[in-house]
N, C-alpha and C. Protein backbone atom coordinates (compact mmCIF):
# COMPACT_ATOMS: atom_id res chain seq x y z
N MET A 1 58.31 -64.74 -8.28
CA MET A 1 58.28 -63.34 -7.90
C MET A 1 59.16 -63.14 -6.67
N ALA A 2 59.74 -61.97 -6.58
CA ALA A 2 60.59 -61.64 -5.44
C ALA A 2 59.76 -61.58 -4.17
N GLU A 3 60.43 -61.50 -3.04
CA GLU A 3 59.73 -61.44 -1.76
C GLU A 3 58.82 -60.22 -1.69
N CYS A 4 57.60 -60.42 -1.21
CA CYS A 4 56.62 -59.34 -1.14
C CYS A 4 56.71 -58.62 0.20
N TRP A 5 56.64 -57.30 0.15
CA TRP A 5 56.72 -56.48 1.35
C TRP A 5 55.35 -56.04 1.84
N PHE A 6 54.34 -56.13 0.96
CA PHE A 6 53.00 -55.67 1.28
C PHE A 6 51.99 -56.74 0.91
N LYS A 7 50.82 -56.70 1.56
CA LYS A 7 49.72 -57.59 1.20
C LYS A 7 48.49 -56.72 0.91
N PRO A 8 47.65 -57.15 -0.03
CA PRO A 8 46.46 -56.35 -0.36
C PRO A 8 45.50 -56.26 0.82
N HIS A 9 44.80 -55.14 0.91
CA HIS A 9 43.77 -54.98 1.94
C HIS A 9 42.64 -55.97 1.71
N ALA A 10 42.00 -56.43 2.77
CA ALA A 10 40.83 -57.29 2.65
C ALA A 10 39.61 -56.47 2.25
N TYR A 11 39.54 -55.22 2.67
CA TYR A 11 38.46 -54.30 2.33
C TYR A 11 39.08 -53.03 1.77
N GLY A 12 38.49 -52.51 0.72
CA GLY A 12 38.96 -51.26 0.15
C GLY A 12 40.06 -51.46 -0.88
N TYR A 13 40.86 -50.42 -1.07
CA TYR A 13 41.88 -50.39 -2.11
C TYR A 13 43.24 -50.16 -1.47
N GLY A 14 44.26 -50.83 -1.96
CA GLY A 14 45.61 -50.58 -1.48
C GLY A 14 46.23 -51.80 -0.83
N ALA A 15 47.28 -51.54 -0.05
CA ALA A 15 48.03 -52.62 0.57
C ALA A 15 48.53 -52.19 1.95
N THR A 16 48.89 -53.18 2.74
CA THR A 16 49.40 -52.98 4.10
C THR A 16 50.76 -53.65 4.21
N PRO A 17 51.71 -53.03 4.92
CA PRO A 17 53.00 -53.71 5.11
C PRO A 17 52.81 -55.06 5.77
N SER A 18 53.52 -56.07 5.25
CA SER A 18 53.38 -57.41 5.81
C SER A 18 54.68 -57.94 6.41
N GLY A 19 55.73 -57.17 6.36
CA GLY A 19 57.00 -57.59 6.92
C GLY A 19 57.84 -56.38 7.28
N TRP A 20 59.01 -56.63 7.79
CA TRP A 20 59.86 -55.52 8.23
C TRP A 20 60.28 -54.63 7.06
N GLN A 21 60.44 -55.22 5.86
CA GLN A 21 60.84 -54.42 4.70
C GLN A 21 59.76 -53.39 4.36
N GLY A 22 58.50 -53.80 4.41
CA GLY A 22 57.40 -52.89 4.13
C GLY A 22 57.32 -51.77 5.15
N TRP A 23 57.46 -52.14 6.42
CA TRP A 23 57.43 -51.11 7.47
C TRP A 23 58.63 -50.18 7.37
N ALA A 24 59.79 -50.72 6.98
CA ALA A 24 60.97 -49.87 6.79
C ALA A 24 60.75 -48.91 5.63
N ALA A 25 60.12 -49.37 4.55
CA ALA A 25 59.84 -48.50 3.41
C ALA A 25 58.89 -47.37 3.82
N VAL A 26 57.86 -47.70 4.60
CA VAL A 26 56.93 -46.68 5.08
C VAL A 26 57.66 -45.67 5.97
N GLY A 27 58.53 -46.17 6.86
CA GLY A 27 59.29 -45.29 7.75
C GLY A 27 60.24 -44.37 6.99
N VAL A 28 60.92 -44.92 5.99
CA VAL A 28 61.84 -44.09 5.19
C VAL A 28 61.06 -43.03 4.43
N TYR A 29 59.93 -43.41 3.83
CA TYR A 29 59.10 -42.46 3.10
C TYR A 29 58.64 -41.33 4.04
N ALA A 30 58.13 -41.68 5.21
CA ALA A 30 57.66 -40.68 6.17
C ALA A 30 58.80 -39.77 6.63
N ALA A 31 59.98 -40.35 6.88
CA ALA A 31 61.12 -39.56 7.33
C ALA A 31 61.59 -38.59 6.24
N VAL A 32 61.60 -39.04 5.00
CA VAL A 32 62.04 -38.16 3.90
C VAL A 32 61.04 -37.03 3.70
N VAL A 33 59.74 -37.33 3.74
CA VAL A 33 58.73 -36.27 3.60
C VAL A 33 58.83 -35.29 4.77
N PHE A 34 59.04 -35.79 5.97
CA PHE A 34 59.19 -34.91 7.14
C PHE A 34 60.42 -34.03 7.01
N ALA A 35 61.56 -34.61 6.61
CA ALA A 35 62.80 -33.83 6.46
C ALA A 35 62.65 -32.77 5.37
N LEU A 36 62.02 -33.14 4.27
CA LEU A 36 61.80 -32.18 3.18
C LEU A 36 60.88 -31.05 3.65
N SER A 37 59.84 -31.40 4.36
CA SER A 37 58.91 -30.38 4.87
C SER A 37 59.60 -29.45 5.86
N LEU A 38 60.40 -30.01 6.74
CA LEU A 38 61.10 -29.21 7.73
C LEU A 38 62.12 -28.28 7.07
N SER A 39 62.86 -28.81 6.10
CA SER A 39 63.88 -27.98 5.45
C SER A 39 63.26 -26.85 4.64
N LEU A 40 62.16 -27.10 3.96
CA LEU A 40 61.52 -26.04 3.19
C LEU A 40 60.79 -25.05 4.09
N ALA A 41 60.30 -25.50 5.22
CA ALA A 41 59.61 -24.60 6.14
C ALA A 41 60.58 -23.67 6.85
N THR A 42 61.81 -24.13 7.10
CA THR A 42 62.77 -23.30 7.81
C THR A 42 63.65 -22.48 6.87
N TRP A 43 63.54 -22.72 5.57
CA TRP A 43 64.30 -21.93 4.60
C TRP A 43 63.85 -20.48 4.69
N PRO A 44 64.76 -19.51 4.63
CA PRO A 44 64.33 -18.11 4.73
C PRO A 44 63.35 -17.75 3.61
N ALA A 45 62.21 -17.24 4.01
CA ALA A 45 61.18 -16.87 3.04
C ALA A 45 61.39 -15.45 2.54
N ASP A 46 60.89 -15.17 1.36
CA ASP A 46 60.97 -13.82 0.81
C ASP A 46 60.10 -12.84 1.59
N LEU A 47 59.01 -13.36 2.14
CA LEU A 47 58.10 -12.53 2.91
C LEU A 47 58.13 -12.96 4.37
N PRO A 48 58.02 -12.02 5.29
CA PRO A 48 58.05 -12.39 6.72
C PRO A 48 56.77 -13.08 7.18
N ASP A 49 55.75 -13.15 6.34
CA ASP A 49 54.47 -13.73 6.75
C ASP A 49 54.41 -15.24 6.61
N GLY A 50 55.44 -15.87 6.08
CA GLY A 50 55.42 -17.32 5.92
C GLY A 50 56.18 -17.73 4.68
N PRO A 51 56.04 -18.99 4.28
CA PRO A 51 56.79 -19.47 3.12
C PRO A 51 56.33 -18.78 1.83
N ALA A 52 57.28 -18.60 0.96
CA ALA A 52 56.98 -17.97 -0.33
C ALA A 52 56.28 -18.97 -1.24
N ALA A 53 55.69 -18.46 -2.30
CA ALA A 53 54.95 -19.32 -3.23
C ALA A 53 55.86 -20.36 -3.87
N TRP A 54 57.12 -20.00 -4.17
CA TRP A 54 58.02 -20.96 -4.79
C TRP A 54 58.35 -22.10 -3.83
N GLN A 55 58.38 -21.79 -2.52
CA GLN A 55 58.64 -22.85 -1.54
C GLN A 55 57.47 -23.83 -1.46
N VAL A 56 56.28 -23.32 -1.48
CA VAL A 56 55.11 -24.18 -1.44
C VAL A 56 55.04 -25.03 -2.71
N ALA A 57 55.29 -24.41 -3.86
CA ALA A 57 55.27 -25.14 -5.13
C ALA A 57 56.35 -26.22 -5.15
N THR A 58 57.55 -25.88 -4.67
CA THR A 58 58.64 -26.87 -4.62
C THR A 58 58.27 -28.03 -3.71
N TRP A 59 57.68 -27.72 -2.57
CA TRP A 59 57.28 -28.77 -1.64
C TRP A 59 56.23 -29.68 -2.27
N LEU A 60 55.22 -29.09 -2.93
CA LEU A 60 54.17 -29.89 -3.56
C LEU A 60 54.74 -30.81 -4.64
N VAL A 61 55.64 -30.29 -5.46
CA VAL A 61 56.24 -31.10 -6.52
C VAL A 61 57.08 -32.22 -5.92
N MET A 62 57.90 -31.92 -4.95
CA MET A 62 58.78 -32.93 -4.35
C MET A 62 57.97 -34.02 -3.63
N VAL A 63 56.98 -33.62 -2.85
CA VAL A 63 56.16 -34.62 -2.15
C VAL A 63 55.35 -35.44 -3.16
N GLY A 64 54.88 -34.80 -4.21
CA GLY A 64 54.16 -35.54 -5.25
C GLY A 64 55.05 -36.58 -5.92
N LEU A 65 56.28 -36.21 -6.25
CA LEU A 65 57.21 -37.16 -6.88
C LEU A 65 57.58 -38.29 -5.92
N LEU A 66 57.83 -37.95 -4.67
CA LEU A 66 58.16 -38.98 -3.68
C LEU A 66 56.98 -39.95 -3.48
N THR A 67 55.78 -39.41 -3.41
CA THR A 67 54.60 -40.25 -3.22
C THR A 67 54.38 -41.15 -4.44
N PHE A 68 54.55 -40.60 -5.64
CA PHE A 68 54.40 -41.40 -6.85
C PHE A 68 55.40 -42.56 -6.85
N GLY A 69 56.66 -42.28 -6.52
CA GLY A 69 57.67 -43.33 -6.46
C GLY A 69 57.39 -44.35 -5.38
N PHE A 70 56.92 -43.89 -4.22
CA PHE A 70 56.61 -44.80 -3.12
C PHE A 70 55.45 -45.72 -3.48
N LEU A 71 54.41 -45.17 -4.12
CA LEU A 71 53.28 -46.00 -4.52
C LEU A 71 53.67 -47.02 -5.58
N ARG A 72 54.56 -46.65 -6.49
CA ARG A 72 55.05 -47.60 -7.50
C ARG A 72 55.83 -48.74 -6.82
N LEU A 73 56.64 -48.40 -5.83
CA LEU A 73 57.36 -49.42 -5.08
C LEU A 73 56.38 -50.34 -4.36
N CYS A 74 55.38 -49.76 -3.72
CA CYS A 74 54.37 -50.57 -3.00
C CYS A 74 53.65 -51.51 -3.94
N ARG A 75 53.24 -51.03 -5.09
CA ARG A 75 52.53 -51.89 -6.04
C ARG A 75 53.43 -53.01 -6.56
N ALA A 76 54.72 -52.69 -6.78
CA ALA A 76 55.64 -53.70 -7.29
C ALA A 76 55.95 -54.76 -6.25
N LYS A 77 55.90 -54.41 -4.98
CA LYS A 77 56.25 -55.34 -3.90
C LYS A 77 55.03 -55.90 -3.17
N THR A 78 53.84 -55.80 -3.78
CA THR A 78 52.62 -56.33 -3.17
C THR A 78 52.36 -57.73 -3.68
N ASP A 79 51.94 -58.62 -2.77
CA ASP A 79 51.59 -60.00 -3.11
C ASP A 79 50.16 -60.01 -3.65
N GLY A 80 50.01 -59.81 -4.94
CA GLY A 80 48.69 -59.73 -5.57
C GLY A 80 48.51 -58.36 -6.19
N GLU A 81 47.31 -58.16 -6.78
CA GLU A 81 47.07 -56.89 -7.44
C GLU A 81 46.30 -55.93 -6.55
N TRP A 82 46.40 -54.65 -6.87
CA TRP A 82 45.64 -53.63 -6.17
C TRP A 82 44.30 -53.50 -6.88
N LYS A 83 43.23 -53.76 -6.18
CA LYS A 83 41.89 -53.56 -6.69
C LYS A 83 40.96 -53.38 -5.51
N TRP A 84 39.77 -52.88 -5.78
CA TRP A 84 38.79 -52.70 -4.72
C TRP A 84 38.33 -54.07 -4.23
N ARG A 85 38.33 -54.26 -2.91
CA ARG A 85 37.93 -55.53 -2.33
C ARG A 85 36.81 -55.31 -1.31
N TRP A 86 35.87 -56.24 -1.30
CA TRP A 86 34.75 -56.20 -0.37
C TRP A 86 34.92 -57.24 0.74
N GLY A 87 36.05 -57.86 0.86
CA GLY A 87 36.25 -58.91 1.84
C GLY A 87 35.93 -60.25 1.22
N SER A 88 35.82 -61.28 2.04
CA SER A 88 35.51 -62.61 1.52
C SER A 88 34.05 -62.67 1.09
N SER A 89 33.70 -63.67 0.29
CA SER A 89 32.32 -63.79 -0.19
C SER A 89 31.34 -64.04 0.95
N ALA A 90 31.79 -64.60 2.05
CA ALA A 90 30.92 -64.84 3.20
C ALA A 90 30.55 -63.54 3.90
N ASP A 91 31.33 -62.46 3.70
CA ASP A 91 31.07 -61.19 4.36
C ASP A 91 30.22 -60.25 3.51
N LYS A 92 29.84 -60.65 2.30
CA LYS A 92 29.08 -59.76 1.41
C LYS A 92 27.63 -59.68 1.87
N PRO A 93 27.01 -58.49 1.73
CA PRO A 93 25.60 -58.34 2.09
C PRO A 93 24.72 -59.26 1.25
N GLY A 94 23.65 -59.77 1.86
CA GLY A 94 22.71 -60.60 1.15
C GLY A 94 23.03 -62.09 1.19
N THR A 95 24.10 -62.49 1.84
CA THR A 95 24.45 -63.90 1.94
C THR A 95 23.93 -64.47 3.24
N VAL A 96 23.68 -65.74 3.26
CA VAL A 96 23.20 -66.42 4.46
C VAL A 96 24.36 -67.20 5.05
N GLN A 97 24.61 -66.97 6.34
CA GLN A 97 25.71 -67.64 7.04
C GLN A 97 25.16 -68.33 8.28
N ALA A 98 25.36 -69.58 8.40
CA ALA A 98 25.03 -70.35 9.61
C ALA A 98 23.66 -70.00 10.15
N GLY A 99 22.66 -69.92 9.27
CA GLY A 99 21.29 -69.67 9.71
C GLY A 99 21.01 -68.22 10.03
N ARG A 100 21.94 -67.33 9.82
CA ARG A 100 21.75 -65.92 10.12
C ARG A 100 21.57 -65.17 8.81
N HIS A 101 20.52 -64.38 8.71
CA HIS A 101 20.28 -63.63 7.49
C HIS A 101 20.98 -62.28 7.59
N GLU A 102 21.64 -61.92 6.51
CA GLU A 102 22.32 -60.64 6.46
C GLU A 102 21.40 -59.60 5.84
N ARG A 103 21.84 -58.36 5.81
CA ARG A 103 21.13 -57.27 5.21
C ARG A 103 20.77 -57.63 3.77
N GLY A 104 19.57 -57.27 3.37
CA GLY A 104 19.15 -57.54 2.01
C GLY A 104 18.47 -58.89 1.86
N SER A 105 18.19 -59.58 2.96
CA SER A 105 17.58 -60.91 2.86
C SER A 105 16.07 -60.84 2.72
N GLY A 106 15.48 -59.64 2.88
CA GLY A 106 14.06 -59.48 2.62
C GLY A 106 13.18 -59.53 3.86
N GLY A 107 13.71 -59.55 5.04
CA GLY A 107 12.88 -59.58 6.24
C GLY A 107 13.58 -58.92 7.40
N VAL A 108 12.78 -58.61 8.41
CA VAL A 108 13.33 -58.04 9.62
C VAL A 108 13.66 -59.19 10.55
N GLN A 109 14.84 -59.15 11.15
CA GLN A 109 15.27 -60.24 12.00
C GLN A 109 14.33 -60.38 13.20
N GLY A 110 13.87 -61.60 13.45
CA GLY A 110 13.02 -61.86 14.60
C GLY A 110 11.54 -61.81 14.28
N THR A 111 11.14 -61.37 13.12
CA THR A 111 9.73 -61.34 12.76
C THR A 111 9.50 -62.22 11.55
N PRO A 112 8.36 -62.91 11.50
CA PRO A 112 8.10 -63.75 10.34
C PRO A 112 7.84 -62.90 9.10
N ARG A 113 8.20 -63.44 7.98
CA ARG A 113 8.02 -62.75 6.71
C ARG A 113 6.60 -62.94 6.23
N MET A 114 5.95 -61.87 5.84
CA MET A 114 4.59 -61.98 5.30
C MET A 114 4.67 -62.21 3.81
N GLN A 115 3.76 -63.06 3.33
CA GLN A 115 3.78 -63.35 1.89
C GLN A 115 2.48 -63.02 1.24
């Protein structure tokens, strides 16, 4: 596989930039969305009260297409798959770690369990 620009999150869904290429991609995406927003906001509107409906619709379509393309790039350049993650198995509720009981162990910490 080619060099990966993103790594999957340890918790939740998605990925985080893991190198300069990933951060550059995020920066370019943000700059393009900002430039598009600025250009459509400063375009002369049909009404003096703000942007016209066609400007808002154009902005929504363009940002939607840019976001779709950016997410496809992120998924293609991620080291691993995108899926919901709960962290490592040691961090899951109900597991016992080094003598410490986690949530769901059936007792209140510091009090003996009644049987």
